[in-house]
Protein backbone atom coordinates (compact mmCIF):
# COMPACT_ATOMS: atom_id res chain seq x y z
CA UNK A 1 70.53 -91.74 148.05
CA UNK A 2 68.84 -95.08 148.67
CA UNK A 3 66.05 -95.29 151.24
CA UNK A 4 66.97 -97.02 154.52
CA UNK A 5 65.09 -100.23 153.63
CA UNK A 6 67.41 -100.73 150.64
CA UNK A 7 70.62 -99.52 152.28
CA UNK A 8 70.41 -102.23 154.90
CA UNK A 9 70.98 -104.88 152.23
CA UNK A 10 74.22 -103.34 150.98
CA UNK A 11 77.61 -104.72 151.99
CA UNK A 12 78.71 -102.77 155.05
CA UNK A 13 81.99 -101.30 156.17
CA UNK A 14 83.55 -104.72 156.59
CA UNK A 15 83.97 -104.74 152.80
CA UNK A 16 83.11 -101.43 151.15
CA UNK A 17 85.96 -98.96 151.19
CA UNK A 18 88.62 -101.53 152.06
CA UNK A 19 91.82 -101.71 149.97
CA UNK A 20 91.51 -104.00 146.96
CA UNK A 21 93.94 -106.58 148.39
CA UNK A 22 91.83 -106.83 151.53
CA UNK A 23 88.64 -107.14 149.47
CA UNK A 24 90.23 -109.97 147.52
CA UNK A 25 91.25 -111.65 150.77
CA UNK A 26 87.68 -111.45 152.03
CA UNK A 27 86.44 -112.85 148.73
CA UNK A 28 88.90 -115.75 148.98
CA UNK A 29 87.69 -116.51 152.52
CA UNK A 30 84.09 -116.48 151.29
CA UNK A 31 85.08 -118.90 148.53
CA UNK A 32 86.61 -121.20 151.14
CA UNK A 33 83.30 -121.16 153.02
CA UNK A 34 81.57 -122.19 149.78
CA UNK A 35 83.84 -125.22 149.46
CA UNK A 36 82.25 -126.62 152.63
CA UNK A 37 79.27 -127.41 150.41
CA UNK A 38 81.27 -130.20 148.78
CA UNK A 39 81.99 -133.68 150.12
CA UNK A 40 83.10 -134.74 152.63
CA UNK A 41 81.55 -131.74 154.46
CA UNK A 42 78.26 -131.79 152.50
CA UNK A 43 76.87 -128.45 153.70
CA UNK A 44 75.14 -126.89 150.66
CA UNK A 45 73.78 -124.06 152.83
CA UNK A 46 77.39 -122.89 153.25
CA UNK A 47 77.77 -122.81 149.48
CA UNK A 48 74.56 -120.80 149.05
CA UNK A 49 75.73 -118.35 151.73
CA UNK A 50 79.11 -117.94 150.03
CA UNK A 51 77.55 -117.42 146.60
CA UNK A 52 75.24 -114.79 148.09
CA UNK A 53 78.25 -113.00 149.59
CA UNK A 54 79.90 -113.08 146.17
CA UNK A 55 76.87 -111.40 144.58
CA UNK A 56 76.80 -108.83 147.37
CA UNK A 57 80.47 -108.06 146.80
CA UNK A 58 79.98 -107.87 143.03
CA UNK A 59 77.37 -105.13 143.58
CA UNK A 60 80.11 -102.89 144.92
CA UNK A 61 82.21 -103.02 141.74
CA UNK A 62 81.07 -101.25 138.61
CA UNK A 63 84.46 -101.56 136.94
CA UNK A 64 84.86 -104.88 135.03
CA UNK A 65 88.51 -105.22 136.05
CA UNK A 66 87.74 -104.79 139.74
CA UNK A 67 84.86 -107.25 139.50
CA UNK A 68 87.14 -109.77 137.77
CA UNK A 69 89.67 -109.54 140.62
CA UNK A 70 86.98 -110.31 143.18
CA UNK A 71 85.57 -113.19 141.13
CA UNK A 72 89.03 -114.67 140.67
CA UNK A 73 89.83 -114.40 144.39
CA UNK A 74 86.52 -116.02 145.33
CA UNK A 75 87.24 -118.86 142.90
CA UNK A 76 90.80 -119.31 144.18
CA UNK A 77 89.52 -119.74 147.74
CA UNK A 78 86.77 -122.10 146.62
CA UNK A 79 88.91 -124.35 144.45
CA UNK A 80 91.87 -124.20 146.85
CA UNK A 81 89.85 -125.99 149.54
CA UNK A 82 87.60 -128.11 147.28
CA UNK A 83 90.55 -129.57 145.41
CA UNK A 84 92.97 -130.00 148.30
CA UNK A 85 92.91 -133.74 147.58
CA UNK A 86 95.08 -133.02 144.52
CA UNK A 87 98.06 -133.07 146.90
CA UNK A 88 97.66 -136.82 147.47
CA UNK A 89 98.76 -138.28 144.08
CA UNK A 90 102.15 -136.61 144.43
CA UNK A 91 102.73 -138.47 147.72
CA UNK A 92 102.53 -141.93 146.10
CA UNK A 93 106.13 -141.44 144.95
CA UNK A 94 107.18 -138.48 147.13
CA UNK A 95 110.88 -138.65 146.31
CA UNK A 96 110.13 -137.88 142.65
CA UNK A 97 106.95 -135.85 142.78
CA UNK A 98 106.38 -134.61 146.35
CA UNK A 99 107.90 -131.20 145.69
CA UNK A 100 105.33 -130.60 142.93
CA UNK A 101 102.25 -131.00 145.18
CA UNK A 102 101.83 -127.41 146.49
CA UNK A 103 102.50 -125.97 143.04
CA UNK A 104 99.92 -128.28 141.49
CA UNK A 105 97.24 -127.12 143.95
CA UNK A 106 98.21 -123.48 143.57
CA UNK A 107 98.27 -123.45 139.78
CA UNK A 108 95.15 -125.58 139.38
CA UNK A 109 93.13 -123.43 141.79
CA UNK A 110 94.38 -120.19 140.27
CA UNK A 111 93.72 -121.47 136.75
CA UNK A 112 90.18 -122.64 137.43
CA UNK A 113 89.47 -119.37 139.25
CA UNK A 114 90.13 -117.57 135.95
CA UNK A 115 86.80 -118.93 134.69
CA UNK A 116 85.00 -117.29 137.59
CA UNK A 117 86.97 -114.08 137.23
CA UNK A 118 85.94 -114.03 133.57
CA UNK A 119 82.30 -114.49 134.61
CA UNK A 120 82.46 -111.44 136.89
CA UNK A 121 84.21 -109.44 134.19
CA UNK A 122 81.71 -110.48 131.54
CA UNK A 123 78.72 -109.65 133.73
CA UNK A 124 80.00 -106.12 134.24
CA UNK A 125 80.71 -105.74 130.53
CA UNK A 126 77.15 -106.74 129.77
CA UNK A 127 75.42 -104.56 132.34
CA UNK A 128 75.80 -102.53 135.50
CA UNK A 129 73.05 -104.70 137.01
CA UNK A 130 73.95 -107.71 139.11
CA UNK A 131 71.59 -110.41 137.85
CA UNK A 132 73.60 -111.07 134.64
CA UNK A 133 76.33 -112.51 136.87
CA UNK A 134 74.08 -115.56 137.40
CA UNK A 135 74.07 -116.05 133.62
CA UNK A 136 77.79 -115.54 133.02
CA UNK A 137 78.75 -117.62 136.05
CA UNK A 138 76.64 -120.59 134.90
CA UNK A 139 78.07 -120.09 131.42
CA UNK A 140 81.63 -120.12 132.78
CA UNK A 141 80.93 -123.44 134.53
CA UNK A 142 79.58 -124.89 131.31
CA UNK A 143 82.69 -123.77 129.42
CA UNK A 144 84.89 -125.22 132.19
CA UNK A 145 83.28 -128.62 131.58
CA UNK A 146 84.19 -128.64 127.89
CA UNK A 147 87.24 -126.50 127.10
CA UNK A 148 90.80 -127.98 127.13
CA UNK A 149 89.23 -131.47 127.54
CA UNK A 150 87.19 -130.12 130.48
CA UNK A 151 87.46 -130.29 134.25
CA UNK A 152 84.02 -129.81 135.89
CA UNK A 153 85.15 -131.17 139.27
CA UNK A 154 83.64 -129.30 142.26
CA UNK A 155 80.83 -127.84 140.19
CA UNK A 156 78.43 -125.95 142.48
CA UNK A 157 75.67 -128.37 141.44
CA UNK A 158 77.74 -131.22 142.89
CA UNK A 159 76.84 -130.00 146.39
CA UNK A 160 73.15 -130.78 145.75
CA UNK A 161 73.42 -134.52 145.19
CA UNK A 162 72.30 -135.59 148.69
CA UNK A 163 69.02 -133.68 148.80
CA UNK A 164 65.71 -133.51 146.97
CA UNK A 165 66.93 -130.43 145.10
CA UNK A 166 69.53 -132.60 143.40
CA UNK A 167 66.77 -134.44 141.52
CA UNK A 168 66.63 -131.41 139.26
CA UNK A 169 69.71 -132.88 137.56
CA UNK A 170 67.37 -135.23 135.70
CA UNK A 171 65.62 -132.18 134.20
CA UNK A 172 68.32 -129.62 133.44
CA UNK A 173 71.64 -131.33 134.18
CA UNK A 174 74.55 -129.99 136.24
CA UNK A 175 74.85 -126.63 134.50
CA UNK A 176 71.13 -125.95 134.73
CA UNK A 177 71.26 -126.63 138.45
CA UNK A 178 74.26 -124.33 138.76
CA UNK A 179 72.19 -121.59 137.12
CA UNK A 180 69.40 -122.29 139.65
CA UNK A 181 71.87 -121.91 142.52
CA UNK A 182 73.18 -118.64 141.10
CA UNK A 183 69.67 -117.22 140.71
CA UNK A 184 68.95 -118.13 144.34
CA UNK A 185 72.13 -116.41 145.50
CA UNK A 186 71.32 -113.31 143.46
CA UNK A 187 67.78 -113.26 144.84
CA UNK A 188 69.13 -113.35 148.39
CA UNK A 189 70.94 -110.06 147.79
CA UNK A 190 68.26 -108.13 145.90
CA UNK A 191 67.52 -104.94 147.89
CA UNK A 192 64.29 -105.42 149.83
CA UNK A 193 61.42 -103.03 149.11
CA UNK A 194 59.32 -103.63 152.17
CA UNK A 195 58.32 -106.44 154.49
CA UNK A 196 56.40 -108.34 151.84
CA UNK A 197 59.48 -108.57 149.64
CA UNK A 198 61.62 -109.65 152.57
CA UNK A 199 59.12 -112.33 153.56
CA UNK A 200 59.08 -113.64 150.00
CA UNK A 201 62.87 -113.74 149.87
CA UNK A 202 63.02 -115.56 153.16
CA UNK A 203 60.39 -118.12 152.16
CA UNK A 204 62.11 -118.93 148.87
CA UNK A 205 65.53 -119.26 150.46
CA UNK A 206 64.22 -121.34 153.36
CA UNK A 207 62.35 -123.67 151.01
CA UNK A 208 65.37 -124.08 148.74
CA UNK A 209 67.69 -124.75 151.69
CA UNK A 210 65.33 -127.36 153.10
CA UNK A 211 65.22 -128.97 149.66
CA UNK A 212 69.01 -129.24 149.70
CA UNK A 213 68.93 -131.33 152.87
CA UNK A 214 65.70 -133.34 152.72
CA UNK A 215 66.17 -136.75 151.06
CA UNK A 216 64.45 -137.27 147.71
CA UNK A 217 60.75 -138.02 147.94
CA UNK A 218 61.01 -140.54 145.10
CA UNK A 219 59.72 -144.06 145.82
CA UNK A 220 62.09 -146.91 146.49
CA UNK A 221 63.83 -148.09 143.35
CA UNK A 222 62.29 -151.11 141.64
CA UNK A 223 64.78 -153.97 141.57
CA UNK A 224 65.59 -156.53 138.92
CA UNK A 225 66.12 -160.19 139.70
CA UNK A 226 69.86 -159.81 138.94
CA UNK A 227 72.57 -159.64 141.61
CA UNK A 228 75.89 -157.85 141.13
CA UNK A 229 79.00 -158.44 143.24
CA UNK A 230 81.31 -155.45 143.73
CA UNK A 231 84.90 -156.40 144.66
CA UNK A 232 87.17 -154.01 146.56
CA UNK A 233 90.75 -155.28 147.12
CA UNK A 234 92.01 -152.15 148.96
CA UNK A 235 95.37 -152.20 147.18
CA UNK A 236 97.49 -149.23 148.23
CA UNK A 237 98.77 -147.36 145.19
CA UNK A 238 102.43 -147.55 146.19
CA UNK A 239 102.14 -151.33 146.59
CA UNK A 240 99.77 -152.59 143.90
CA UNK A 241 102.38 -152.69 141.09
CA UNK A 242 105.12 -154.31 143.17
CA UNK A 243 105.47 -158.00 142.19
CA UNK A 244 105.54 -159.27 145.78
CA UNK A 245 102.19 -157.57 146.50
CA UNK A 246 100.50 -157.82 143.09
CA UNK A 247 99.86 -161.56 143.46
CA UNK A 248 98.47 -161.05 146.96
CA UNK A 249 95.92 -158.51 145.69
CA UNK A 250 95.02 -160.77 142.77
CA UNK A 251 94.45 -163.75 145.05
CA UNK A 252 92.36 -161.57 147.35
CA UNK A 253 90.06 -160.64 144.47
CA UNK A 254 89.83 -164.28 143.35
CA UNK A 255 88.82 -165.26 146.89
CA UNK A 256 86.11 -162.59 146.99
CA UNK A 257 84.84 -163.65 143.55
CA UNK A 258 84.55 -167.32 144.57
CA UNK A 259 82.98 -166.58 147.98
CA UNK A 260 79.44 -167.85 148.74
CA UNK A 261 76.62 -165.44 147.86
CA UNK A 262 75.44 -162.89 150.40
CA UNK A 263 71.90 -162.78 149.01
CA UNK A 264 70.01 -166.09 149.11
CA UNK A 265 71.68 -169.11 147.56
CA UNK A 266 72.17 -167.79 144.04
CA UNK A 267 75.57 -166.69 142.80
CA UNK A 268 75.88 -163.17 141.35
CA UNK A 269 75.09 -162.71 137.68
CA UNK A 270 77.99 -160.24 137.34
CA UNK A 271 81.13 -159.61 139.39
CA UNK A 272 82.90 -156.25 138.98
CA UNK A 273 86.58 -155.69 139.78
CA UNK A 274 88.03 -152.14 139.84
CA UNK A 275 90.23 -150.24 137.39
CA UNK A 276 93.64 -151.86 136.67
CA UNK A 277 92.60 -154.72 138.95
CA UNK A 278 95.43 -156.94 137.66
CA UNK A 279 98.97 -156.03 136.75
CA UNK A 280 99.24 -158.27 133.66
CA UNK A 281 98.56 -156.60 130.35
CA UNK A 282 95.70 -157.99 128.31
CA UNK A 283 97.79 -159.94 125.79
CA UNK A 284 99.69 -161.68 128.63
CA UNK A 285 96.73 -162.13 130.97
CA UNK A 286 95.22 -165.30 129.48
CA UNK A 287 96.01 -167.58 132.47
CA UNK A 288 94.83 -164.93 134.95
CA UNK A 289 91.57 -164.41 133.04
CA UNK A 290 90.98 -168.17 133.03
CA UNK A 291 91.41 -168.20 136.82
CA UNK A 292 88.93 -165.33 137.13
CA UNK A 293 86.37 -167.17 134.98
CA UNK A 294 86.76 -170.27 137.13
CA UNK A 295 86.29 -168.28 140.34
CA UNK A 296 83.10 -166.70 138.94
CA UNK A 297 81.65 -170.20 138.39
CA UNK A 298 79.75 -169.32 135.25
CA UNK A 299 78.94 -165.71 136.05
CA UNK A 300 80.15 -162.74 134.01
CA UNK A 301 83.06 -160.61 135.23
CA UNK A 302 84.04 -157.05 134.35
CA UNK A 303 87.48 -155.78 135.34
CA UNK A 304 90.06 -153.18 134.50
CA UNK A 305 93.50 -153.82 133.04
CA UNK A 306 96.04 -152.27 130.69
CA UNK A 307 96.20 -153.19 127.03
CA UNK A 308 99.23 -152.47 124.85
CA UNK A 309 99.00 -151.99 121.11
CA UNK A 310 102.41 -151.42 119.56
CA UNK A 311 103.87 -148.32 121.22
CA UNK A 312 100.75 -147.15 123.11
CA UNK A 313 98.78 -148.26 126.16
CA UNK A 314 95.04 -148.33 126.63
CA UNK A 315 93.35 -148.18 130.03
CA UNK A 316 90.69 -150.80 129.38
CA UNK A 317 87.73 -152.71 130.74
CA UNK A 318 87.33 -156.34 129.74
CA UNK A 319 84.03 -158.17 130.14
CA UNK A 320 84.30 -161.93 130.43
CA UNK A 321 80.93 -163.28 129.32
CA UNK A 322 78.96 -165.67 131.50
CA UNK A 323 79.52 -169.41 130.90
CA UNK A 324 82.28 -168.83 128.37
CA UNK A 325 80.40 -166.11 126.48
CA UNK A 326 81.99 -163.51 124.23
CA UNK A 327 84.79 -161.36 125.65
CA UNK A 328 84.32 -157.61 125.10
CA UNK A 329 86.78 -154.74 125.44
CA UNK A 330 86.29 -151.05 126.10
CA UNK A 331 89.15 -148.52 125.99
CA UNK A 332 88.98 -145.38 128.12
CA UNK A 333 88.56 -142.36 125.85
CA UNK A 334 88.69 -139.40 128.27
CA UNK A 335 92.18 -139.52 129.75
CA UNK A 336 93.43 -137.62 132.81
CA UNK A 337 95.71 -134.68 131.91
CA UNK A 338 99.09 -134.91 133.67
CA UNK A 339 98.05 -138.35 134.93
CA UNK A 340 97.65 -140.54 131.86
CA UNK A 341 99.11 -138.07 129.41
CA UNK A 342 100.92 -134.76 129.32
CA UNK A 343 99.43 -131.95 127.22
CA UNK A 344 101.76 -130.81 124.42
CA UNK A 345 103.20 -134.30 124.45
CA UNK A 346 105.87 -133.61 121.83
CA UNK A 347 107.46 -131.03 124.13
CA UNK A 348 106.94 -133.22 127.20
CA UNK A 349 108.66 -136.17 125.51
CA UNK A 350 111.75 -134.11 124.75
CA UNK A 351 111.87 -133.03 128.40
CA UNK A 352 111.40 -136.59 129.65
CA UNK A 353 108.09 -135.78 131.40
CA UNK A 354 105.51 -138.53 132.00
CA UNK A 355 102.05 -138.61 133.51
CA UNK A 356 101.76 -139.73 137.12
CA UNK A 357 99.88 -142.90 136.13
CA UNK A 358 102.36 -143.99 133.47
CA UNK A 359 104.21 -147.12 134.55
CA UNK A 360 106.83 -146.91 131.79
CA UNK A 361 107.88 -144.77 128.87
CA UNK A 362 104.88 -146.09 126.91
CA UNK A 363 102.20 -143.39 126.78
CA UNK A 364 98.44 -143.83 127.05
CA UNK A 365 96.19 -143.54 124.00
CA UNK A 366 92.54 -142.51 124.10
CA UNK A 367 89.93 -145.00 122.96
CA UNK A 368 87.43 -144.24 120.18
CA UNK A 369 84.69 -142.81 122.41
CA UNK A 370 81.61 -143.52 124.51
CA UNK A 371 80.10 -146.96 124.01
CA UNK A 372 77.69 -149.53 125.36
CA UNK A 373 78.53 -153.16 126.12
CA UNK A 374 76.31 -156.23 126.14
CA UNK A 375 75.98 -157.84 129.56
CA UNK A 376 73.60 -160.57 128.46
CA UNK A 377 70.52 -160.99 130.68
CA UNK A 378 71.40 -157.80 132.62
CA UNK A 379 71.05 -155.69 129.47
CA UNK A 380 73.38 -153.08 128.03
CA UNK A 381 75.69 -150.95 130.15
CA UNK A 382 77.65 -147.75 129.58
CA UNK A 383 81.23 -148.39 130.75
CA UNK A 384 83.02 -145.57 132.58
CA UNK A 385 86.61 -145.84 133.69
CA UNK A 386 87.46 -143.59 136.63
CA UNK A 387 87.63 -139.97 135.43
CA UNK A 388 85.01 -140.49 132.71
CA UNK A 389 82.21 -140.36 135.29
CA UNK A 390 83.04 -136.69 135.89
CA UNK A 391 81.61 -135.63 132.51
CA UNK A 392 77.84 -135.50 132.10
CA UNK A 393 78.12 -134.83 128.37
CA UNK A 394 80.39 -137.86 127.85
CA UNK A 395 77.75 -140.14 129.36
CA UNK A 396 75.13 -138.47 127.16
CA UNK A 397 77.30 -139.25 124.13
CA UNK A 398 76.71 -143.01 124.38
CA UNK A 399 75.34 -144.31 121.07
CA UNK A 400 72.18 -145.80 122.57
CA UNK A 401 70.06 -145.86 125.69
CA UNK A 402 71.48 -148.35 128.19
CA UNK A 403 70.02 -150.23 131.15
CA UNK A 404 72.71 -149.20 133.65
CA UNK A 405 76.04 -147.45 134.12
CA UNK A 406 79.14 -149.36 135.23
CA UNK A 407 82.13 -147.50 136.65
CA UNK A 408 85.45 -149.04 137.59
CA UNK A 409 87.92 -146.74 139.31
CA UNK A 410 91.13 -146.59 141.29
CA UNK A 411 90.80 -143.77 143.82
CA UNK A 412 93.80 -144.99 145.81
CA UNK A 413 95.66 -142.06 144.24
CA UNK A 414 93.58 -139.60 146.27
CA UNK A 415 93.83 -140.83 149.85
CA UNK A 416 90.79 -141.41 152.05
CA UNK A 417 89.44 -137.88 152.42
CA UNK A 418 87.78 -135.44 150.03
CA UNK A 419 88.78 -136.79 146.60
CA UNK A 420 87.13 -140.24 146.64
CA UNK A 421 83.96 -138.89 148.27
CA UNK A 422 83.67 -136.13 145.67
CA UNK A 423 84.20 -138.70 142.93
CA UNK A 424 81.35 -140.78 144.37
CA UNK A 425 79.12 -137.68 144.42
CA UNK A 426 79.76 -137.18 140.71
CA UNK A 427 78.92 -140.82 139.98
CA UNK A 428 75.62 -140.29 141.78
CA UNK A 429 74.99 -137.19 139.65
CA UNK A 430 75.38 -139.22 136.47
CA UNK A 431 72.84 -141.77 137.73
CA UNK A 432 70.27 -139.02 138.41
CA UNK A 433 70.89 -137.28 135.08
CA UNK A 434 70.42 -140.48 133.10
CA UNK A 435 67.73 -142.12 135.24
CA UNK A 436 69.94 -145.22 135.30
CA UNK A 437 71.38 -147.30 138.15
CA UNK A 438 75.15 -147.38 138.51
CA UNK A 439 77.36 -150.19 139.76
CA UNK A 440 80.70 -148.84 140.97
CA UNK A 441 83.78 -150.88 141.91
CA UNK A 442 86.63 -148.87 143.45
CA UNK A 443 90.03 -150.21 144.43
CA UNK A 444 90.13 -148.63 147.89
CA UNK A 445 86.53 -147.35 148.03
CA UNK A 446 83.88 -146.23 147.85
CA UNK A 447 82.35 -149.17 145.95
CA UNK A 448 78.59 -148.79 145.69
CA UNK A 449 75.34 -149.78 144.02
CA UNK A 450 73.51 -146.55 143.18
CA UNK A 451 69.86 -146.36 142.17
CA UNK A 452 68.48 -144.11 139.37
CA UNK A 453 67.73 -141.36 141.92
CA UNK A 454 71.37 -141.23 143.02
CA UNK A 455 70.78 -143.03 146.31
CA UNK A 456 73.40 -145.48 147.56
CA UNK A 457 71.71 -148.84 148.16
CA UNK A 458 74.80 -150.80 149.21
CA UNK A 459 78.43 -149.84 149.64
CA UNK A 460 81.87 -150.73 150.93
CA UNK A 461 83.45 -147.83 152.84
CA UNK A 462 86.90 -146.37 152.28
CA UNK A 463 89.97 -148.37 153.21
CA UNK A 464 88.49 -151.85 153.61
CA UNK A 465 88.86 -154.98 151.52
CA UNK A 466 85.85 -157.11 150.80
CA UNK A 467 82.86 -157.47 148.53
CA UNK A 468 79.17 -156.66 148.57
CA UNK A 469 76.32 -158.36 146.71
CA UNK A 470 73.51 -156.03 145.68
CA UNK A 471 70.42 -156.37 143.48
CA UNK A 472 70.55 -154.30 140.30
CA UNK A 473 67.82 -151.61 140.21
CA UNK A 474 65.62 -151.15 137.16
CA UNK A 475 66.21 -148.12 134.93
CA UNK A 476 63.76 -145.24 134.77
CA UNK A 477 62.35 -143.87 131.51
CA UNK A 478 64.75 -141.49 129.71
CA UNK A 479 65.14 -138.21 131.58
CA UNK A 480 64.78 -134.79 129.98
CA UNK A 481 68.50 -134.15 130.39
CA UNK A 482 69.50 -137.50 128.89
CA UNK A 483 67.39 -136.61 125.85
CA UNK A 484 68.31 -132.94 125.39
CA UNK A 485 71.74 -132.57 126.95
CA UNK A 486 73.23 -129.09 127.28
CA UNK A 487 72.27 -127.55 123.94
CA UNK A 488 69.03 -125.96 125.12
CA UNK A 489 70.67 -124.53 128.22
CA UNK A 490 73.33 -122.94 125.99
CA UNK A 491 70.54 -121.29 123.99
CA UNK A 492 68.85 -120.03 127.19
CA UNK A 493 72.11 -118.56 128.48
CA UNK A 494 72.76 -116.79 125.17
CA UNK A 495 69.25 -115.30 125.14
CA UNK A 496 69.63 -114.11 128.74
CA UNK A 497 73.05 -112.60 127.96
CA UNK A 498 71.59 -110.67 125.03
CA UNK A 499 68.71 -109.55 127.25
CA UNK A 500 71.18 -108.39 129.90
CA UNK A 501 73.05 -106.32 127.36
CA UNK A 502 69.89 -104.81 125.88
CA UNK A 503 68.49 -103.81 129.26
CA UNK A 504 71.81 -102.86 130.81
CA UNK A 505 71.35 -99.15 130.31
CA UNK A 506 68.46 -98.96 132.78
CA UNK A 507 69.20 -96.87 135.86
CA UNK A 508 67.50 -99.30 138.27
CA UNK A 509 70.09 -101.68 139.63
CA UNK A 510 68.88 -105.20 140.43
């Protein structure tokens, strides 16, 4: 029998003793509350509350199978709301794909929730204590970022990007910050052993919550003398490939490129157009590229387009050097499953299945890998095309330290709500992790200049056409995470898991 001071911290009758299906329903609701931590809601306190409820519920289940059911249900509720934007791509061509939308959300949420169910199961297999769940949960998120090409979207750490706490990404990366969140949530549910313990719990949780909302205390970013123009044509996805509209969007971007400077009297050193900014393929785009060079009046231009090589397509970025300088190409290497390619492609081909982003029967091919490109006086940049900015370890895989990150993207697929804002949050995470500024050109928004602390210095909001000129911030020295990556965190998690197993036979539950 626990003393009253400990019993008060246990989950009450609203959960304990309920039928399993009702417990899973409550867990799913708690997961939905946690999703409010993500953009566009941006309430990390809701995520911390939901994670704490999950730890409290896990304490009630000593059986690994029961714990796994609760973890899966919590994950299904969390991912079901966080990823609701996944419905939007199927509405671009609703006659062909609209019927698939609810199934896509259901299967994706249920599949990703398996990682969290496995974390709950693994924690109970390791120990009857609750703290190992923080270890297995962070480990499950790390695995989710890598396995089956990875899909770390809506990582718990993503909710921290707006506040001072998010600066920890530069030290331990997204998975280290997820572990920090899990430890906080576990600490919130540790049975209190007196007023001193309760006061300590409250102080830690209050301080952490304040840190999630207060802006970073870092000084203003030092700026270079270089100006970058970000072009946003606002081309609706269902219109951009139609010949009668494609020329209109192209002319719009030419007009923005040739427009007078917004900052002083000097033209931008670099103009950035978004992903697949023109409909001509690279080998046929010579006249269009000449028009773009002329509009830039001697400045460099980076833009996205498709490049065909025999029977395959590449989603590429071309950099037109300043004053007739060397043209460089980068091919996207981390493709979108079910968008740019279908897993098990041999089977998919026989069934006539294509990715949503395929414009013909020609499939997309992955490029050779992460790279840096030479942008002349601006320095070297790491190119990221759309989805590639989701992966912290892909950015870390660049062959050399760069001076900035450059992302081109087409978020028109995802409407104007959660998806594009969550994608922007992940771009800001990469800037913090690397200590590098990021220039980001998005077709329909949000285009932004981001400093090395993840702060947005200039932006174009969703659903507008236009351009913005912004000075390029200076890079910071290499961060700890950019130097060490995830390997040391993996070692820490393994050591903690072994420790959990070795101490799991103790009778004192914490």
